Amino acid sequence: MVTLEQKLSLFKKLVDEKVQKEIDEQILNKDDEIKDFLEKEKQILESNANRTKKAAIERIKRQKSEAISTMIQQERKLYLKKNEEILRDLLAKIEDKIRDFMQTDKYKEHIEATMLTSLEAFSSEEHIYVSIPPTNFNKAKEAAESALKKAGFENYTIIEAELNYIGGFVLENERQTIRLNKTFAEALYLKREDLGQMLHDAIRRGETL
């Protein structure tokens, strides 16, 4: 016959087993929850890390691009400055050559030939004003008078022009409807862009000026 004490002991054992089973199930469920939580946290951390890494890479690329752009702009400014300095030096040398040319008899021939061609734009019945720079004024004046007479112009006035004209002459009719600037200074101004391009091409080819 089972005693009360034995029954209580058996009941206690059954209760303990049931409780332990429930505890084991809860622990198992908690383990799954913890694993799910940790997996989600891992994904979040990895996602944040990837975003941070991507942002860092983009920032580095942007900084690199900005640095390269700044360097290119600085190099371009230096190149343009140097190019302009060389161009000014080249123009100064050309002006010196022109002044040397103005001391020769060929300068007088040049004035006469150029003026004969230029006078074709005017009527011989008009009064013509001829402006000649002061350097070698008399030589150029003689050439101008010779050209005017050969072209049949009797009414003209020859005056001394501004110093910065650097040789050549300016023709203008009395009505001021036609004006031809045939000074060397004007020719240099018109050729400045071409000279600059020639200089640029020469520098690119590595030629010594």
Foldseek 3Di string as FASTA:
>chain_A
DDDPVNVVVVVVVVVVVVVVVVVVVVVVVVVVVVVVVVVVVVVVVVVVVVVVVVVVVVVVVVVVVVVVVVVVVVVVVVVVVVLVVVLVVVVVVVLVVLLVVLVDLVLLVVQLVVLLVVCVVDDLVFAKEKEWAPRNLVSSVVSNVVNNVVNNRDHYHYYYDYNVLRGHIWMATPVRPDIDRGGVNVVCVVCSVVVSVVSVVCVVVVHDD
